[in-house]
């Protein structure tokens, strides 16, 4: 009951704050709320939610999967669904980049797109479907939208493996690197800390953090910033040499619950990644980590930051296209 009340508060705060920052697309246009109400597909958002919730009932990890795809997509070439494009021939797409090899949830996007095309052919972009379904999958346990999604994005026609490494923050990043990458995308330190909170759901492979356990400085040592007891637990879960197929909860014993446990964990020096621990290395971000342990503060800021992230380098107006199949560009 307490959690449901907190989310009711979130919806109120987001609405009152009018988190409707109009996205500035490459053609000078912008995103807006309820875009499809006036583009011959007023049922678009309802359809996305129905299909996403139907799939989320059978896959409690869907929220974490789609949230990660949305994040990985927006940081590379902007929120234009380039992350959804498959490799064609020798031209490797973003999907083939190492950080993206473990992404999941693409079948859910395919299903949503296929069903929407039957009702509103050529109208709803894959980029908007990804943004909406990520929100709806995370929101499913609470049966209400957790943040606003502005729509009107169009789909890009380019996806290159070479674009990924220089744009996508990694679990090995220090604070300076994280801050620089976020600033490049027009995001601030509040966005950085709040969006890191998405690590409260989902799992990761041992290789994403094993260096902290077994060879942090190249001398077979453990990262001294990691809580020793937690480090020993992780060593049991991911014994050396690491099995690349083994996964670990990013938020121990709470990886299916979208809550504030992540921030409490980081403050206990139990953040799984170097990028998590890095949030305590800067006085401002460390203060925000503490503030976001409060559910109302986190849900409010996360909603704002998701709107900001969903605005990165969007294609609108006549730019890009509306793909018929999210995995390939139109002929």
Protein backbone atom coordinates (compact mmCIF):
# COMPACT_ATOMS: atom_id res chain seq x y z
CA UNK A 1 0.00 0.00 0.00
CA UNK A 2 2.84 2.36 0.83
CA UNK A 3 4.45 1.84 -2.59
CA UNK A 4 1.15 2.41 -4.41
CA UNK A 5 0.62 5.65 -2.50
CA UNK A 6 4.12 6.81 -3.42
CA UNK A 7 3.43 6.20 -7.10
CA UNK A 8 0.14 8.07 -6.87
CA UNK A 9 2.18 10.97 -5.52
CA UNK A 10 4.61 10.59 -8.44
CA UNK A 11 1.88 10.94 -11.05
CA UNK A 12 0.63 14.07 -9.29
CA UNK A 13 4.11 15.61 -9.11
CA UNK A 14 4.95 14.84 -12.73
CA UNK A 15 1.64 16.28 -13.89
CA UNK A 16 1.94 19.43 -11.80
CA UNK A 17 5.53 19.93 -12.86
CA UNK A 18 4.41 19.68 -16.50
CA UNK A 19 7.26 17.49 -17.55
CA UNK A 20 6.49 18.29 -21.14
CA UNK A 21 9.79 19.62 -22.33
CA UNK A 22 9.41 19.83 -26.11
CA UNK A 23 12.16 17.88 -27.81
CA UNK A 24 14.14 19.84 -30.36
CA UNK A 25 14.53 17.59 -33.35
CA UNK A 26 17.03 17.85 -36.17
CA UNK A 27 14.49 19.68 -38.32
CA UNK A 28 13.62 22.24 -35.64
CA UNK A 29 10.33 20.58 -34.69
CA UNK A 30 9.56 18.97 -31.37
CA UNK A 31 8.02 16.13 -29.45
CA UNK A 32 4.73 16.54 -27.65
CA UNK A 33 2.24 14.67 -25.54
CA UNK A 34 -0.50 12.70 -27.30
CA UNK A 35 1.10 13.18 -30.71
CA UNK A 36 -0.81 10.25 -32.24
CA UNK A 37 -4.20 11.64 -31.27
CA UNK A 38 -3.90 13.97 -34.25
CA UNK A 39 -2.09 11.64 -36.68
CA UNK A 40 -4.78 9.09 -37.52
CA UNK A 41 -3.82 6.66 -34.75
CA UNK A 42 -5.38 7.92 -31.50
CA UNK A 43 -5.27 4.41 -30.04
CA UNK A 44 -1.47 4.06 -30.48
CA UNK A 45 -0.40 4.52 -26.86
CA UNK A 46 -3.22 2.33 -25.57
CA UNK A 47 -2.21 -0.44 -27.98
CA UNK A 48 1.43 -0.24 -26.92
CA UNK A 49 0.43 -0.47 -23.27
CA UNK A 50 -1.95 -3.39 -23.78
CA UNK A 51 0.58 -5.46 -25.69
CA UNK A 52 3.47 -4.57 -23.39
CA UNK A 53 1.49 -5.40 -20.24
CA UNK A 54 0.34 -8.68 -21.77
CA UNK A 55 3.95 -9.69 -22.38
CA UNK A 56 5.14 -8.34 -19.01
CA UNK A 57 2.70 -10.67 -17.21
CA UNK A 58 4.75 -13.59 -18.51
CA UNK A 59 8.17 -11.92 -18.31
CA UNK A 60 8.87 -10.00 -15.08
CA UNK A 61 12.26 -8.99 -16.47
CA UNK A 62 10.80 -7.20 -19.50
CA UNK A 63 10.97 -3.78 -17.85
CA UNK A 64 14.69 -4.08 -17.23
CA UNK A 65 15.27 -5.35 -20.77
CA UNK A 66 13.39 -2.60 -22.58
CA UNK A 67 14.67 0.16 -20.31
CA UNK A 68 18.22 -0.92 -21.13
CA UNK A 69 17.53 -1.05 -24.88
CA UNK A 70 16.01 2.44 -24.74
CA UNK A 71 19.03 3.78 -22.83
CA UNK A 72 21.58 2.10 -25.12
CA UNK A 73 19.68 3.38 -28.15
CA UNK A 74 19.31 7.02 -27.12
CA UNK A 75 22.98 7.49 -26.23
CA UNK A 76 24.08 6.40 -29.72
CA UNK A 77 22.77 8.55 -32.59
CA UNK A 78 19.90 9.73 -30.40
CA UNK A 79 16.45 8.21 -29.79
CA UNK A 80 15.89 7.13 -33.40
CA UNK A 81 15.56 3.35 -32.90
CA UNK A 82 18.89 2.70 -34.62
CA UNK A 83 19.55 0.14 -31.87
CA UNK A 84 16.74 -2.01 -33.32
CA UNK A 85 18.28 -2.37 -36.79
CA UNK A 86 19.84 -5.73 -37.64
CA UNK A 87 23.19 -6.14 -39.34
CA UNK A 88 22.87 -6.37 -43.11
CA UNK A 89 25.73 -8.05 -44.95
CA UNK A 90 29.11 -6.78 -43.73
CA UNK A 91 27.75 -3.51 -42.33
CA UNK A 92 27.56 -4.33 -38.64
CA UNK A 93 24.86 -2.51 -36.70
CA UNK A 94 24.88 -1.24 -33.12
CA UNK A 95 23.43 -4.58 -31.98
CA UNK A 96 26.76 -6.26 -32.72
CA UNK A 97 28.77 -3.99 -30.41
CA UNK A 98 29.98 -5.80 -27.31
CA UNK A 99 27.90 -3.80 -24.79
CA UNK A 100 24.76 -4.62 -26.80
CA UNK A 101 25.23 -8.36 -27.25
CA UNK A 102 23.32 -9.09 -24.03
CA UNK A 103 20.37 -6.79 -24.77
CA UNK A 104 16.94 -8.42 -24.81
CA UNK A 105 13.32 -7.63 -25.45
CA UNK A 106 13.57 -7.11 -29.21
CA UNK A 107 10.82 -9.67 -29.83
CA UNK A 108 8.44 -7.58 -27.74
CA UNK A 109 9.12 -4.55 -29.95
CA UNK A 110 8.56 -6.67 -33.06
CA UNK A 111 5.23 -7.89 -31.69
CA UNK A 112 4.03 -4.40 -30.83
CA UNK A 113 5.07 -3.01 -34.21
CA UNK A 114 3.40 -5.87 -36.08
CA UNK A 115 0.10 -5.44 -34.28
CA UNK A 116 0.08 -1.64 -34.59
CA UNK A 117 0.84 -1.82 -38.32
CA UNK A 118 -2.37 -3.83 -38.79
CA UNK A 119 -4.38 -0.99 -37.25
CA UNK A 120 -2.37 2.12 -38.19
CA UNK A 121 0.01 1.25 -41.04
CA UNK A 122 2.97 3.56 -41.55
CA UNK A 123 2.13 5.96 -38.72
CA UNK A 124 3.73 4.90 -35.43
CA UNK A 125 7.54 4.96 -35.31
CA UNK A 126 9.71 2.25 -33.81
CA UNK A 127 11.46 4.96 -31.80
CA UNK A 128 8.18 5.94 -30.11
CA UNK A 129 7.23 2.29 -29.60
CA UNK A 130 10.52 1.70 -27.80
CA UNK A 131 10.12 4.77 -25.58
CA UNK A 132 6.51 3.91 -24.72
CA UNK A 133 7.04 0.20 -24.16
CA UNK A 134 10.06 0.77 -21.90
CA UNK A 135 7.88 3.03 -19.72
CA UNK A 136 4.93 0.64 -19.80
CA UNK A 137 6.95 -2.49 -19.00
CA UNK A 138 8.52 -0.85 -15.95
CA UNK A 139 5.10 0.50 -14.94
CA UNK A 140 3.27 -2.82 -15.24
CA UNK A 141 3.51 -3.85 -11.54
CA UNK A 142 1.96 -0.51 -10.55
CA UNK A 143 -0.77 -0.45 -13.22
CA UNK A 144 -0.17 3.21 -14.01
CA UNK A 145 2.37 5.18 -16.11
CA UNK A 146 5.41 6.12 -14.04
CA UNK A 147 6.56 8.96 -16.28
CA UNK A 148 5.39 10.94 -19.27
CA UNK A 149 6.55 9.95 -22.74
CA UNK A 150 6.50 12.70 -25.35
CA UNK A 151 6.01 11.35 -28.87
CA UNK A 152 6.55 12.33 -32.48
CA UNK A 153 9.95 10.68 -33.04
CA UNK A 154 10.85 9.27 -36.41
CA UNK A 155 13.19 6.40 -37.17
CA UNK A 156 16.79 6.67 -38.32
CA UNK A 157 18.21 4.83 -41.30
CA UNK A 158 21.77 4.35 -40.02
CA UNK A 159 23.14 1.98 -37.37
CA UNK A 160 26.91 1.53 -37.04
CA UNK A 161 28.85 -0.62 -34.60
CA UNK A 162 31.61 2.01 -34.65
CA UNK A 163 29.33 4.63 -33.05
CA UNK A 164 28.80 2.70 -29.82
CA UNK A 165 32.03 2.77 -27.84
CA UNK A 166 32.57 6.54 -27.98
CA UNK A 167 29.00 7.41 -26.97
CA UNK A 168 27.72 4.77 -24.56
CA UNK A 169 28.73 5.03 -20.89
CA UNK A 170 30.17 1.76 -19.62
CA UNK A 171 30.08 -0.02 -16.23
CA UNK A 172 33.83 0.67 -16.00
CA UNK A 173 33.51 4.46 -16.32
CA UNK A 174 34.83 6.84 -13.66
CA UNK A 175 32.82 9.90 -12.65
CA UNK A 176 34.59 12.32 -14.98
CA UNK A 177 33.89 10.08 -17.98
CA UNK A 178 30.24 9.64 -17.00
CA UNK A 179 29.72 13.35 -16.53
CA UNK A 180 31.32 14.18 -19.88
CA UNK A 181 29.25 11.62 -21.79
CA UNK A 182 26.03 12.79 -20.17
CA UNK A 183 26.82 16.45 -20.81
CA UNK A 184 27.49 15.61 -24.47
CA UNK A 185 23.89 14.41 -24.63
CA UNK A 186 22.49 17.50 -22.91
CA UNK A 187 21.95 15.72 -19.59
CA UNK A 188 23.05 17.05 -16.20
CA UNK A 189 24.28 15.52 -12.97
CA UNK A 190 20.74 15.01 -11.66
CA UNK A 191 19.96 12.99 -14.79
CA UNK A 192 23.18 11.00 -14.37
CA UNK A 193 22.38 9.93 -10.83
CA UNK A 194 18.66 9.36 -11.38
CA UNK A 195 19.14 7.29 -14.54
CA UNK A 196 21.80 5.21 -12.76
CA UNK A 197 18.88 4.23 -10.54
CA UNK A 198 17.61 2.03 -13.37
CA UNK A 199 20.15 -0.48 -12.01
CA UNK A 200 17.57 -1.23 -9.36
CA UNK A 201 16.08 -3.77 -11.79
CA UNK A 202 17.73 -6.41 -13.93
CA UNK A 203 20.81 -8.58 -13.93
CA UNK A 204 24.28 -8.37 -15.44
CA UNK A 205 27.01 -10.78 -16.46
CA UNK A 206 29.97 -11.35 -14.18
CA UNK A 207 32.40 -9.95 -16.71
CA UNK A 208 30.95 -6.47 -16.26
CA UNK A 209 32.44 -6.18 -12.77
CA UNK A 210 34.82 -9.13 -12.18
CA UNK A 211 37.92 -6.93 -12.47
CA UNK A 212 36.82 -5.22 -9.25
CA UNK A 213 36.93 -8.60 -7.52
CA UNK A 214 40.08 -10.26 -8.80
CA UNK A 215 42.46 -7.85 -10.53
CA UNK A 216 41.50 -4.27 -9.83
CA UNK A 217 44.96 -2.69 -10.25
CA UNK A 218 46.55 -5.58 -12.13
CA UNK A 219 47.99 -7.14 -8.98
CA UNK A 220 45.28 -9.71 -8.24
CA UNK A 221 43.60 -7.36 -5.75
CA UNK A 222 40.02 -6.32 -4.95
CA UNK A 223 38.64 -2.81 -5.38
CA UNK A 224 39.05 -1.27 -1.90
CA UNK A 225 35.95 0.89 -2.43
CA UNK A 226 33.77 -2.22 -2.57
CA UNK A 227 32.30 -3.45 0.72
CA UNK A 228 34.50 -6.48 1.68
CA UNK A 229 31.62 -8.72 2.72
CA UNK A 230 29.73 -7.98 -0.49
CA UNK A 231 32.92 -8.59 -2.49
CA UNK A 232 33.24 -12.07 -0.97
CA UNK A 233 29.60 -12.82 -1.81
CA UNK A 234 30.22 -11.78 -5.40
CA UNK A 235 33.33 -13.95 -5.60
CA UNK A 236 31.22 -16.94 -4.64
CA UNK A 237 28.68 -16.09 -7.32
CA UNK A 238 31.34 -15.35 -9.95
CA UNK A 239 34.38 -17.52 -9.16
CA UNK A 240 37.61 -16.86 -11.06
CA UNK A 241 37.94 -17.58 -13.99
CA UNK A 242 34.57 -16.03 -14.65
CA UNK A 243 31.90 -17.93 -16.55
CA UNK A 244 30.65 -15.43 -19.16
CA UNK A 245 27.15 -16.92 -19.00
CA UNK A 246 26.69 -16.37 -15.24
CA UNK A 247 24.49 -13.45 -14.20
CA UNK A 248 24.10 -11.56 -10.94
CA UNK A 249 21.36 -9.24 -9.69
CA UNK A 250 22.38 -5.60 -10.00
CA UNK A 251 20.31 -4.77 -6.91
CA UNK A 252 20.73 -7.78 -4.57
CA UNK A 253 17.45 -9.53 -3.70
CA UNK A 254 15.47 -6.69 -5.28
CA UNK A 255 16.17 -6.97 -9.01
CA UNK A 256 12.50 -7.26 -9.98
CA UNK A 257 11.32 -4.29 -7.89
CA UNK A 258 11.65 -0.78 -9.21
CA UNK A 259 12.45 1.00 -5.94
CA UNK A 260 15.13 3.04 -4.17
CA UNK A 261 17.13 0.11 -2.82
CA UNK A 262 19.84 0.85 -5.39
CA UNK A 263 20.74 4.18 -3.80
CA UNK A 264 20.91 2.70 -0.31
CA UNK A 265 23.15 -0.03 -1.72
CA UNK A 266 25.48 2.49 -3.37
CA UNK A 267 25.76 4.40 -0.09
CA UNK A 268 26.76 1.15 1.62
CA UNK A 269 29.62 0.76 -0.91
CA UNK A 270 27.78 -2.15 -2.50
CA UNK A 271 27.25 -0.65 -5.92
CA UNK A 272 28.02 -3.44 -8.37
CA UNK A 273 29.78 -1.48 -11.11
CA UNK A 274 32.67 0.95 -11.01
CA UNK A 275 30.23 3.45 -12.51
CA UNK A 276 27.97 2.96 -9.47
CA UNK A 277 30.80 3.49 -7.01
CA UNK A 278 31.88 6.54 -9.01
CA UNK A 279 28.72 8.38 -7.97
CA UNK A 280 30.21 8.73 -4.48
CA UNK A 281 33.43 10.23 -5.81
CA UNK A 282 31.88 13.62 -6.53
CA UNK A 283 30.39 15.69 -3.66
CA UNK A 284 27.37 16.82 -5.69
CA UNK A 285 26.46 13.40 -7.06
CA UNK A 286 27.06 11.81 -3.63
CA UNK A 287 24.57 14.25 -2.14
CA UNK A 288 22.02 13.41 -4.84
CA UNK A 289 22.50 9.68 -4.23
CA UNK A 290 21.54 10.29 -0.60
CA UNK A 291 18.54 12.42 -1.57
CA UNK A 292 17.24 9.80 -3.99
CA UNK A 293 17.01 7.19 -1.26
CA UNK A 294 13.67 8.87 -0.59
CA UNK A 295 11.11 7.25 -2.92
CA UNK A 296 9.20 10.45 -3.73
CA UNK A 297 12.40 12.25 -4.68
CA UNK A 298 13.62 9.37 -6.88
CA UNK A 299 10.36 8.76 -8.73
CA UNK A 300 9.95 12.47 -9.42
CA UNK A 301 13.51 12.98 -10.70
CA UNK A 302 13.55 9.71 -12.64
CA UNK A 303 10.42 10.76 -14.50
CA UNK A 304 11.98 14.09 -15.45
CA UNK A 305 15.26 12.46 -16.46
CA UNK A 306 13.52 9.88 -18.67
CA UNK A 307 11.78 12.71 -20.52
CA UNK A 308 15.17 14.41 -20.93
CA UNK A 309 16.86 11.23 -22.15
CA UNK A 310 14.03 10.52 -24.56
CA UNK A 311 14.69 13.91 -26.13
CA UNK A 312 18.29 13.20 -27.18
CA UNK A 313 18.90 14.07 -30.85
CA UNK A 314 15.42 13.04 -31.93
CA UNK A 315 14.33 12.97 -35.56
CA UNK A 316 10.98 14.71 -36.08
CA UNK A 317 8.92 16.30 -38.82
CA UNK A 318 10.23 15.15 -42.20
CA UNK A 319 13.52 13.73 -40.94
CA UNK A 320 14.10 9.98 -40.98
CA UNK A 321 11.23 7.64 -41.73
CA UNK A 322 8.52 5.47 -40.16
CA UNK A 323 9.86 1.93 -40.52
CA UNK A 324 7.46 -0.82 -41.49
CA UNK A 325 9.72 -3.34 -39.77
CA UNK A 326 11.80 -2.16 -36.83
CA UNK A 327 14.72 -4.41 -37.77
CA UNK A 328 15.29 -3.02 -41.29
CA UNK A 329 15.05 0.34 -43.03
CA UNK A 330 12.30 0.81 -45.58
CA UNK A 331 13.17 -0.10 -49.18
